[in-house]
Amino acid sequence: MEESRGLRRGIIFILSAPSGAGKTTISRAALKAIGGLEASVSLTTRPPRSGEVEGSDYRFVSEEEFQRIRVAGELAEWAQVFDASYGTPRGPLERAVAEGRDILLDIDIQGAKQIKSSYARDAVTIFVMPPSFNELEGRLRGRATEDETAIMRRLERARGEVSAYPEYDYLIINSNIETSLEELRAVVVAERHRVGRMREGFAPWKV
């Protein structure tokens, strides 16, 4: 447990990347390796992939349930990605910020823009990029989870997504997970020590 918790508001750390860049792998590693960092569990209407766990990786819901939640205003952000809907529940996010708990979101560019707009004071955006387009293509093909049409769609989308990195606060070039994790840890530590994040009335000493 980090010592500054309670002295400041919580931070929303956002990871975005083209599909296949490795952000989900980095996110999972960060949740284990960086103390005081919690997962935000998104909703999605797509079916679970091999190894994904309900309530841990995602909450898997029907399109009808997703739209009910969205219309009720219970999502902090949402986006349509290919044939599925994704969204971040508002309640857990706002409670974490108010209670000084840091939360990690693994969301796409559309969602990151919405969160940054709504939580400008509390959100930190990090873009994860592969070292090259060829490397990205190799990773997508190496997953062997999609047909050629789906892979080409993801590659085409990635070309556009990469151009969004200047809108982010930080950039990580993911050549290997260990280095990328240490770079993310450095971002987290630095942001936790920003003077501007201290709660109103904070004083380091009582004189």
C-alpha atoms as a PDB file:
ATOM      1  CA  MET A   1       0.000   0.000   0.000  1.00  0.00           C
ATOM      2  CA  GLU A   2       1.567   3.290  -1.052  1.00  0.00           C
ATOM      3  CA  GLU A   3       1.989   5.909   1.680  1.00  0.00           C
ATOM      4  CA  SER A   4       0.353   8.771  -0.226  1.00  0.00           C
ATOM      5  CA  ARG A   5      -3.035   7.057  -0.513  1.00  0.00           C
ATOM      6  CA  GLY A   6      -5.614   9.193   1.262  1.00  0.00           C
ATOM      7  CA  LEU A   7      -3.501  12.324   0.817  1.00  0.00           C
ATOM      8  CA  ARG A   8      -4.547  12.693  -2.829  1.00  0.00           C
ATOM      9  CA  ARG A   9      -7.277  11.732  -5.269  1.00  0.00           C
ATOM     10  CA  GLY A  10      -6.982   8.453  -7.119  1.00  0.00           C
ATOM     11  CA  ILE A  11      -5.500   8.372 -10.609  1.00  0.00           C
ATOM     12  CA  ILE A  12      -7.062   6.827 -13.704  1.00  0.00           C
ATOM     13  CA  PHE A  13      -4.246   5.307 -15.751  1.00  0.00           C
ATOM     14  CA  ILE A  14      -5.363   4.579 -19.326  1.00  0.00           C
ATOM     15  CA  LEU A  15      -3.546   2.200 -21.677  1.00  0.00           C
ATOM     16  CA  SER A  16      -4.461   2.299 -25.369  1.00  0.00           C
ATOM     17  CA  ALA A  17      -2.851   0.634 -28.366  1.00  0.00           C
ATOM     18  CA  PRO A  18      -3.520  -0.928 -31.743  1.00  0.00           C
ATOM     19  CA  SER A  19      -4.699  -4.529 -31.482  1.00  0.00           C
ATOM     20  CA  GLY A  20      -1.656  -6.774 -31.085  1.00  0.00           C
ATOM     21  CA  ALA A  21       0.650  -4.134 -29.593  1.00  0.00           C
ATOM     22  CA  GLY A  22       0.666  -5.916 -26.226  1.00  0.00           C
ATOM     23  CA  LYS A  23      -1.275  -3.545 -23.983  1.00  0.00           C
ATOM     24  CA  THR A  24      -3.345  -6.296 -22.382  1.00  0.00           C
ATOM     25  CA  THR A  25      -0.205  -8.287 -21.532  1.00  0.00           C
ATOM     26  CA  ILE A  26       1.398  -5.151 -20.060  1.00  0.00           C
ATOM     27  CA  SER A  27      -1.776  -4.341 -18.150  1.00  0.00           C
ATOM     28  CA  ARG A  28      -1.981  -7.786 -16.572  1.00  0.00           C
ATOM     29  CA  ALA A  29       1.703  -7.688 -15.620  1.00  0.00           C
ATOM     30  CA  ALA A  30       1.336  -4.201 -14.135  1.00  0.00           C
ATOM     31  CA  LEU A  31      -1.557  -5.232 -11.909  1.00  0.00           C
ATOM     32  CA  LYS A  32       0.649  -7.930 -10.385  1.00  0.00           C
ATOM     33  CA  ALA A  33       3.893  -5.942 -10.209  1.00  0.00           C
ATOM     34  CA  ILE A  34       2.847  -2.395  -9.268  1.00  0.00           C
ATOM     35  CA  GLY A  35       1.455  -2.006  -5.773  1.00  0.00           C
ATOM     36  CA  GLY A  36      -1.758  -0.081  -5.269  1.00  0.00           C
ATOM     37  CA  LEU A  37      -2.884  -0.428  -8.888  1.00  0.00           C
ATOM     38  CA  GLU A  38      -6.351  -1.903  -9.425  1.00  0.00           C
ATOM     39  CA  ALA A  39      -8.095  -3.198 -12.529  1.00  0.00           C
ATOM     40  CA  SER A  40     -11.120  -1.594 -14.101  1.00  0.00           C
ATOM     41  CA  VAL A  41     -13.307  -4.372 -15.478  1.00  0.00           C
ATOM     42  CA  SER A  42     -14.974  -3.312 -18.719  1.00  0.00           C
ATOM     43  CA  LEU A  43     -18.225  -4.554 -20.175  1.00  0.00           C
ATOM     44  CA  THR A  44     -18.236  -6.135 -23.606  1.00  0.00           C
ATOM     45  CA  THR A  45     -20.747  -7.791 -25.883  1.00  0.00           C
ATOM     46  CA  ARG A  46     -18.179  -9.989 -27.633  1.00  0.00           C
ATOM     47  CA  PRO A  47     -17.820 -13.648 -26.596  1.00  0.00           C
ATOM     48  CA  PRO A  48     -14.975 -14.611 -24.228  1.00  0.00           C
ATOM     49  CA  ARG A  49     -11.657 -15.608 -25.768  1.00  0.00           C
ATOM     50  CA  SER A  50      -9.724 -18.626 -24.601  1.00  0.00           C
ATOM     51  CA  GLY A  51      -8.510 -18.116 -21.026  1.00  0.00           C
ATOM     52  CA  GLU A  52     -10.617 -15.029 -20.300  1.00  0.00           C
ATOM     53  CA  VAL A  53     -12.477 -15.038 -16.991  1.00  0.00           C
ATOM     54  CA  GLU A  54     -15.882 -13.444 -16.382  1.00  0.00           C
ATOM     55  CA  GLY A  55     -15.615 -10.573 -13.899  1.00  0.00           C
ATOM     56  CA  SER A  56     -11.824 -10.494 -14.102  1.00  0.00           C
ATOM     57  CA  ASP A  57     -10.977  -9.814 -17.749  1.00  0.00           C
ATOM     58  CA  TYR A  58     -14.410  -8.472 -18.728  1.00  0.00           C
ATOM     59  CA  ARG A  59     -18.048  -8.591 -17.785  1.00  0.00           C
ATOM     60  CA  PHE A  60     -19.614 -10.326 -20.762  1.00  0.00           C
ATOM     61  CA  VAL A  61     -23.122  -9.041 -21.426  1.00  0.00           C
ATOM     62  CA  SER A  62     -25.694  -9.158 -24.209  1.00  0.00           C
ATOM     63  CA  GLU A  63     -26.109  -6.214 -26.576  1.00  0.00           C
ATOM     64  CA  GLU A  64     -29.531  -5.538 -25.010  1.00  0.00           C
ATOM     65  CA  GLU A  65     -28.075  -5.397 -21.485  1.00  0.00           C
ATOM     66  CA  PHE A  66     -25.210  -3.202 -22.662  1.00  0.00           C
ATOM     67  CA  GLN A  67     -27.584  -0.684 -24.245  1.00  0.00           C
ATOM     68  CA  ARG A  68     -29.745  -0.644 -21.110  1.00  0.00           C
ATOM     69  CA  ILE A  69     -26.704   0.223 -18.986  1.00  0.00           C
ATOM     70  CA  ARG A  70     -25.530   2.846 -21.490  1.00  0.00           C
ATOM     71  CA  VAL A  71     -28.920   4.569 -21.737  1.00  0.00           C
ATOM     72  CA  ALA A  72     -29.150   4.642 -17.935  1.00  0.00           C
ATOM     73  CA  GLY A  73     -25.945   6.741 -17.877  1.00  0.00           C
ATOM     74  CA  GLU A  74     -23.957   4.109 -15.993  1.00  0.00           C
ATOM     75  CA  LEU A  75     -20.941   4.124 -18.330  1.00  0.00           C
ATOM     76  CA  ALA A  76     -18.016   6.543 -18.083  1.00  0.00           C
ATOM     77  CA  GLU A  77     -17.120   5.730 -21.700  1.00  0.00           C
ATOM     78  CA  TRP A  78     -18.184   3.335 -24.400  1.00  0.00           C
ATOM     79  CA  ALA A  79     -17.264   2.483 -27.963  1.00  0.00           C
ATOM     80  CA  GLN A  80     -18.181   0.197 -30.825  1.00  0.00           C
ATOM     81  CA  VAL A  81     -15.122  -1.756 -31.979  1.00  0.00           C
ATOM     82  CA  PHE A  82     -15.652  -3.953 -35.014  1.00  0.00           C
ATOM     83  CA  ASP A  83     -18.765  -6.001 -34.183  1.00  0.00           C
ATOM     84  CA  ALA A  84     -18.801  -5.570 -30.397  1.00  0.00           C
ATOM     85  CA  SER A  85     -19.548  -2.874 -27.818  1.00  0.00           C
ATOM     86  CA  TYR A  86     -17.195  -2.033 -24.934  1.00  0.00           C
ATOM     87  CA  GLY A  87     -17.720   0.244 -21.938  1.00  0.00           C
ATOM     88  CA  THR A  88     -16.335   1.266 -18.546  1.00  0.00           C
ATOM     89  CA  PRO A  89     -18.749   1.334 -15.575  1.00  0.00           C
ATOM     90  CA  ARG A  90     -18.909   4.816 -14.044  1.00  0.00           C
ATOM     91  CA  GLY A  91     -19.543   3.899 -10.388  1.00  0.00           C
ATOM     92  CA  PRO A  92     -16.360   1.927  -9.570  1.00  0.00           C
ATOM     93  CA  LEU A  93     -14.238   4.499 -11.414  1.00  0.00           C
ATOM     94  CA  GLU A  94     -15.573   7.473  -9.479  1.00  0.00           C
ATOM     95  CA  ARG A  95     -15.373   5.671  -6.139  1.00  0.00           C
ATOM     96  CA  ALA A  96     -11.725   4.812  -6.759  1.00  0.00           C
ATOM     97  CA  VAL A  97     -10.834   8.426  -7.568  1.00  0.00           C
ATOM     98  CA  ALA A  98     -12.702   9.766  -4.519  1.00  0.00           C
ATOM     99  CA  GLU A  99     -11.075   7.225  -2.197  1.00  0.00           C
ATOM    100  CA  GLY A 100      -7.527   7.807  -3.474  1.00  0.00           C
ATOM    101  CA  ARG A 101      -7.230   4.415  -5.201  1.00  0.00           C
ATOM    102  CA  ASP A 102      -5.406   4.154  -8.531  1.00  0.00           C
ATOM    103  CA  ILE A 103      -7.159   2.285 -11.323  1.00  0.00           C
ATOM    104  CA  LEU A 104      -5.861   0.938 -14.636  1.00  0.00           C
ATOM    105  CA  LEU A 105      -8.009   0.965 -17.773  1.00  0.00           C
ATOM    106  CA  ASP A 106      -7.205  -1.062 -20.885  1.00  0.00           C
ATOM    107  CA  ILE A 107      -9.398   0.749 -23.435  1.00  0.00           C
ATOM    108  CA  ASP A 108      -9.339   1.930 -27.033  1.00  0.00           C
ATOM    109  CA  ILE A 109      -8.699   5.426 -28.389  1.00  0.00           C
ATOM    110  CA  GLN A 110     -12.376   6.419 -28.499  1.00  0.00           C
ATOM    111  CA  GLY A 111     -12.834   5.492 -24.844  1.00  0.00           C
ATOM    112  CA  ALA A 112      -9.608   7.193 -23.795  1.00  0.00           C
ATOM    113  CA  LYS A 113     -10.780  10.472 -25.319  1.00  0.00           C
ATOM    114  CA  GLN A 114     -14.076  10.265 -23.424  1.00  0.00           C
ATOM    115  CA  ILE A 115     -12.395   9.534 -20.090  1.00  0.00           C
ATOM    116  CA  LYS A 116      -9.784  12.274 -20.583  1.00  0.00           C
ATOM    117  CA  SER A 117     -12.558  14.753 -21.383  1.00  0.00           C
ATOM    118  CA  SER A 118     -14.701  13.819 -18.372  1.00  0.00           C
ATOM    119  CA  TYR A 119     -11.857  13.281 -15.869  1.00  0.00           C
ATOM    120  CA  ALA A 120      -9.210  15.700 -17.132  1.00  0.00           C
ATOM    121  CA  ARG A 121      -7.759  16.285 -13.657  1.00  0.00           C
ATOM    122  CA  ASP A 122      -7.477  12.624 -12.737  1.00  0.00           C
ATOM    123  CA  ALA A 123      -6.712  10.759 -15.982  1.00  0.00           C
ATOM    124  CA  VAL A 124      -3.240   9.888 -17.319  1.00  0.00           C
ATOM    125  CA  THR A 125      -3.086   8.466 -20.849  1.00  0.00           C
ATOM    126  CA  ILE A 126      -0.393   6.079 -22.094  1.00  0.00           C
ATOM    127  CA  PHE A 127      -0.143   4.874 -25.679  1.00  0.00           C
ATOM    128  CA  VAL A 128       1.502   1.514 -26.364  1.00  0.00           C
ATOM    129  CA  MET A 129       3.028   1.045 -29.809  1.00  0.00           C
ATOM    130  CA  PRO A 130       4.825  -1.941 -31.358  1.00  0.00           C
ATOM    131  CA  PRO A 131       8.361  -1.313 -32.628  1.00  0.00           C
ATOM    132  CA  SER A 132       7.199  -1.678 -36.240  1.00  0.00           C
ATOM    133  CA  PHE A 133       4.177  -2.419 -38.379  1.00  0.00           C
ATOM    134  CA  ASN A 134       5.734  -5.719 -39.446  1.00  0.00           C
ATOM    135  CA  GLU A 135       6.107  -6.705 -35.803  1.00  0.00           C
ATOM    136  CA  LEU A 136       2.444  -5.883 -35.199  1.00  0.00           C
ATOM    137  CA  GLU A 137       1.372  -8.007 -38.155  1.00  0.00           C
ATOM    138  CA  GLY A 138       3.501 -10.888 -36.916  1.00  0.00           C
ATOM    139  CA  ARG A 139       1.934 -10.725 -33.455  1.00  0.00           C
ATOM    140  CA  LEU A 140      -1.604 -10.706 -34.856  1.00  0.00           C
ATOM    141  CA  ARG A 141      -0.902 -13.673 -37.085  1.00  0.00           C
ATOM    142  CA  GLY A 142       0.902 -15.465 -34.262  1.00  0.00           C
ATOM    143  CA  ARG A 143      -2.224 -15.386 -32.097  1.00  0.00           C
ATOM    144  CA  ALA A 144      -3.946 -17.671 -34.635  1.00  0.00           C
ATOM    145  CA  THR A 145      -7.350 -16.657 -33.302  1.00  0.00           C
ATOM    146  CA  GLU A 146      -8.782 -14.935 -36.392  1.00  0.00           C
ATOM    147  CA  ASP A 147      -9.133 -15.511 -40.105  1.00  0.00           C
ATOM    148  CA  GLU A 148      -7.351 -13.492 -42.781  1.00  0.00           C
ATOM    149  CA  THR A 149     -10.247 -11.053 -43.227  1.00  0.00           C
ATOM    150  CA  ALA A 150     -10.288 -10.189 -39.528  1.00  0.00           C
ATOM    151  CA  ILE A 151      -6.506  -9.777 -39.427  1.00  0.00           C
ATOM    152  CA  MET A 152      -6.574  -7.383 -42.385  1.00  0.00           C
ATOM    153  CA  ARG A 153      -9.322  -5.354 -40.710  1.00  0.00           C
ATOM    154  CA  ARG A 154      -7.222  -5.022 -37.572  1.00  0.00           C
ATOM    155  CA  LEU A 155      -4.135  -4.043 -39.533  1.00  0.00           C
ATOM    156  CA  GLU A 156      -6.052  -1.387 -41.443  1.00  0.00           C
ATOM    157  CA  ARG A 157      -7.489  -0.007 -38.195  1.00  0.00           C
ATOM    158  CA  ALA A 158      -4.010  -0.009 -36.622  1.00  0.00           C
ATOM    159  CA  ARG A 159      -2.656   2.277 -39.348  1.00  0.00           C
ATOM    160  CA  GLY A 160      -5.150   4.932 -38.283  1.00  0.00           C
ATOM    161  CA  GLU A 161      -4.846   4.341 -34.538  1.00  0.00           C
ATOM    162  CA  VAL A 162      -1.077   4.841 -34.439  1.00  0.00           C
ATOM    163  CA  SER A 163      -1.527   8.437 -35.610  1.00  0.00           C
ATOM    164  CA  ALA A 164      -3.347   9.209 -32.330  1.00  0.00           C
ATOM    165  CA  TYR A 165      -0.287   8.822 -30.082  1.00  0.00           C
ATOM    166  CA  PRO A 166       0.538  12.602 -29.937  1.00  0.00           C
ATOM    167  CA  GLU A 167      -2.762  13.098 -28.091  1.00  0.00           C
ATOM    168  CA  TYR A 168      -1.516  10.955 -25.194  1.00  0.00           C
ATOM    169  CA  ASP A 169       0.555  11.947 -22.157  1.00  0.00           C
ATOM    170  CA  TYR A 170       3.098   9.127 -22.500  1.00  0.00           C
ATOM    171  CA  LEU A 171       4.346   6.716 -25.171  1.00  0.00           C
ATOM    172  CA  ILE A 172       5.728   3.214 -24.605  1.00  0.00           C
ATOM    173  CA  ILE A 173       7.360   1.348 -27.488  1.00  0.00           C
ATOM    174  CA  ASN A 174       6.715  -2.269 -26.582  1.00  0.00           C
ATOM    175  CA  SER A 175       9.758  -4.208 -27.771  1.00  0.00           C
ATOM    176  CA  ASN A 176       9.658  -6.494 -24.744  1.00  0.00           C
ATOM    177  CA  ILE A 177       7.295  -6.778 -21.795  1.00  0.00           C
ATOM    178  CA  GLU A 178       9.891  -6.374 -19.026  1.00  0.00           C
ATOM    179  CA  THR A 179      11.156  -3.025 -20.314  1.00  0.00           C
ATOM    180  CA  SER A 180       7.643  -1.783 -21.054  1.00  0.00           C
ATOM    181  CA  LEU A 181       6.509  -2.725 -17.554  1.00  0.00           C
ATOM    182  CA  GLU A 182       9.375  -0.765 -15.987  1.00  0.00           C
ATOM    183  CA  GLU A 183       8.521   2.252 -18.137  1.00  0.00           C
ATOM    184  CA  LEU A 184       4.897   2.043 -17.026  1.00  0.00           C
ATOM    185  CA  ARG A 185       6.003   1.739 -13.396  1.00  0.00           C
ATOM    186  CA  ALA A 186       8.068   4.938 -13.814  1.00  0.00           C
ATOM    187  CA  VAL A 187       4.977   6.771 -15.119  1.00  0.00           C
ATOM    188  CA  VAL A 188       2.869   5.553 -12.194  1.00  0.00           C
ATOM    189  CA  VAL A 189       5.446   6.563  -9.586  1.00  0.00           C
ATOM    190  CA  ALA A 190       5.956  10.012 -11.114  1.00  0.00           C
ATOM    191  CA  GLU A 191       2.234  10.731 -11.374  1.00  0.00           C
ATOM    192  CA  ARG A 192       1.637   9.674  -7.768  1.00  0.00           C
ATOM    193  CA  HIS A 193       4.122  12.331  -6.656  1.00  0.00           C
ATOM    194  CA  ARG A 194       2.659  15.263  -8.558  1.00  0.00           C
ATOM    195  CA  VAL A 195       2.075  18.132  -6.138  1.00  0.00           C
ATOM    196  CA  GLY A 196      -1.112  19.035  -8.011  1.00  0.00           C
ATOM    197  CA  ARG A 197      -2.698  15.731  -7.011  1.00  0.00           C
ATOM    198  CA  MET A 198      -2.581  16.446  -3.285  1.00  0.00           C
ATOM    199  CA  ARG A 199      -5.946  17.027  -1.655  1.00  0.00           C
ATOM    200  CA  GLU A 200      -6.953  20.561  -0.736  1.00  0.00           C
ATOM    201  CA  GLY A 201      -5.577  21.482   2.666  1.00  0.00           C
ATOM    202  CA  PHE A 202      -2.730  18.962   2.523  1.00  0.00           C
ATOM    203  CA  ALA A 203       0.353  20.026   4.486  1.00  0.00           C
ATOM    204  CA  PRO A 204       3.501  17.868   4.796  1.00  0.00           C
ATOM    205  CA  TRP A 205       4.083  19.052   8.353  1.00  0.00           C
ATOM    206  CA  LYS A 206       1.997  20.371  11.181  1.00  0.00           C
ATOM    207  CA  VAL A 207       3.810  23.433  12.526  1.00  0.00           C
END
